[in-house]
Amino acid sequence: MKAKNQFEKMGVLLCTSNGIYNLKTLKTFMGYIKKSGYTTLYLEISKNYECENEPFFSYMRPRYSIEEMKQIDAYGIEAGITVIPVIQTFAHLESIFKWKDYRDLEDANGILLVGEPRVYVLIENMIKTISSCFSSGIIHLGMDEAFSLGRGKYQDLHGVCDPIKIMQEHVNKVLDIARKYNVKPEMWGDMYFRLAYGAYDTGTVSFDKSEEVRETIPKDVKIHYWDYYSLDKAHYIDYTNKFKKITDNIVFDGGVWNYLGFIPDNTYSIKATKAAFEACKECGIKEAVITAWGNTGTETSLFAIMPTLVCAAEFAKGNYDTDQIKASFKKLMGMDFDDFINIEIADRLKTTSPENPTGALCDPTHYLLYNDLFDGFLDSTVDENDKPIFQKAAQAIEHCTKNRKWGYIFKTIKALDEVTELKFDLGLKTRRAYQSGDKAALKALSDNEYTKLIKKLKEFYVCFKNQWYIENKQGGFDVQDIRFGGNILRVTHCKEMIDDYLSGKIERIEELEQKLLCYRGGGENFIKGATTLNEYLTFVTVNNL
């Protein structure tokens, strides 16, 4: 007998961030999730689609054309998957405000200026375009993380106002437009939760205005509760019950952590999903989505997240048997479940961070990839005893690189492992040799490890570029060119500076004369161990790539 799914509707959300999946990839992916038991694909395209009458919207960004969006919808119909577009009609629109056409429409920090007439012309063009391309009749309108609502230009124009009333004004105007085009609306729930309780994913719930907020939420709007930060079932139950106080129309959104860099954390994501789905069952939640955000620039392969998606689908059927799940995965993907999990080995360094004692969601292969060899403040986290893990990681997936279908994913990760093995402690060794006056050691580093690192970085670039063009449209790779190019050129320059110092062309290397301080605080007493940096801009500054 076929197991009954605890959810009436179950979906996957794919984010188009700096890169967007090509149509072949989407068609293939829809086939896989349909076989796994999903019914819905939420396609997040907030800044990446052609919008009628708005030539500067998504201008010079990777985007789907109107014709391509219609084709994606047709693929969904063919596969038996309902495609629901996810757009932004409130915040997260930073990229459009650099253009003169939209500069006057910003309140603050990427948020649209509530009440400005031109804002609602733009939103109508969005909704009109999107509703003509997708047949589901449903549009997810975004509305999340507008943290600075009413604090910028809005406040200049209207003074200090109650954010609940500002939010209500805007939502009502947008919903009037949606109904004009017969759209069934869905929205993120974090702004409502924050207004009701004073905090959401961070901070402490400090008050209860749930009754007041409940009155502002339209009854016909599905509200998405997103949460993928906890392994504690009780946490999800608590937040679900708080959401129930403000709305009866809840969709739960869990997540697969594919935005830590090139390597996903399926292990953590699976544990979080299990806890969350158990809570959903206890609380009677009938719809669920697994989100895959890809915020760092679409670095993780889409298909590398399949372990979490298969597990989530099986959990929803009440199947928690590991062997059965692994068998389902192999039948679907043609490779062993554990081979895909082994992608994560290089990010499994021990951690001594009190904020993250389990070591989950650590991404040394990402932040150390861009850590500078001379200005490397993250060198303080490096425990040189951990270095063998990178060779172990590369060896563990070596056989997978030969797989005809998925080998390209493993080639990318193996190349990354080899880069990280070289770069992991190279900054430490360079500083140590320089500060001790050991010119022989510096020369050995320059001739051997720096030379090898430049070569391995170029090999990694080729592997990743191949992965990109298999899965994504062309646009958006310019960012990767700049990142890789800057990295390669910086390592080359550091080698040249060492060579110039050794030859007497320069008298000193100023950066290497500074004492290294602990990244986590504590001065010269290092707290070693992996850390978590899941946003590129967290550790890229004018002097740290």
Foldseek 3Di string as FASTA:
>chain_A
DFFDFLFPAEEAEEAQALFFWDLVQLLVVLLLLVVLPHAEYEYEQAQAEDFPPCCLRVVQGHHHYLVRLLVSQVSCVVNNHAYEYEYELFAPQVVSCVDPVCVVQDFDHRGGQQPDVVSLVRLLRVLVSNLVRHDPLEYEHEPPDPVCPCPGVNCVVPNDDLSLVSSLSRVVSSVVSSVVSSHQYEYECQVLLCSQFVDAPDDDRDHGPQVVSLVSDDQRYAYEYEDADDLALVVLLVVVVSVVSNYPRYEYEYEWQPQQAQATQLVSSLSSLLSNVVSCSVVVHRHYYYYYHNNQQVNYFPCLNVLNSSSNSCVSSVDPDPVVSQVVVCVSPVDGPVLSNLLCQVQQKQAPDPVCNPSPQFDCLPQLLQQALLQRLCLLQADPVPLVSLVVSLVSNVVVLPDPPCNLSSQLSSLSSVLCSLSVNNSVQCLVCQVVVPLVSLVCCLVPSLVVNLVSLVSSLVSSVVSCVVTTDDGSCVVVCVSSVVSSVSSVVVSVVSVCCSVVVDVDDVSSPDQHAEPVDDGNDGRYITDHDSYPVVQDDPPTD
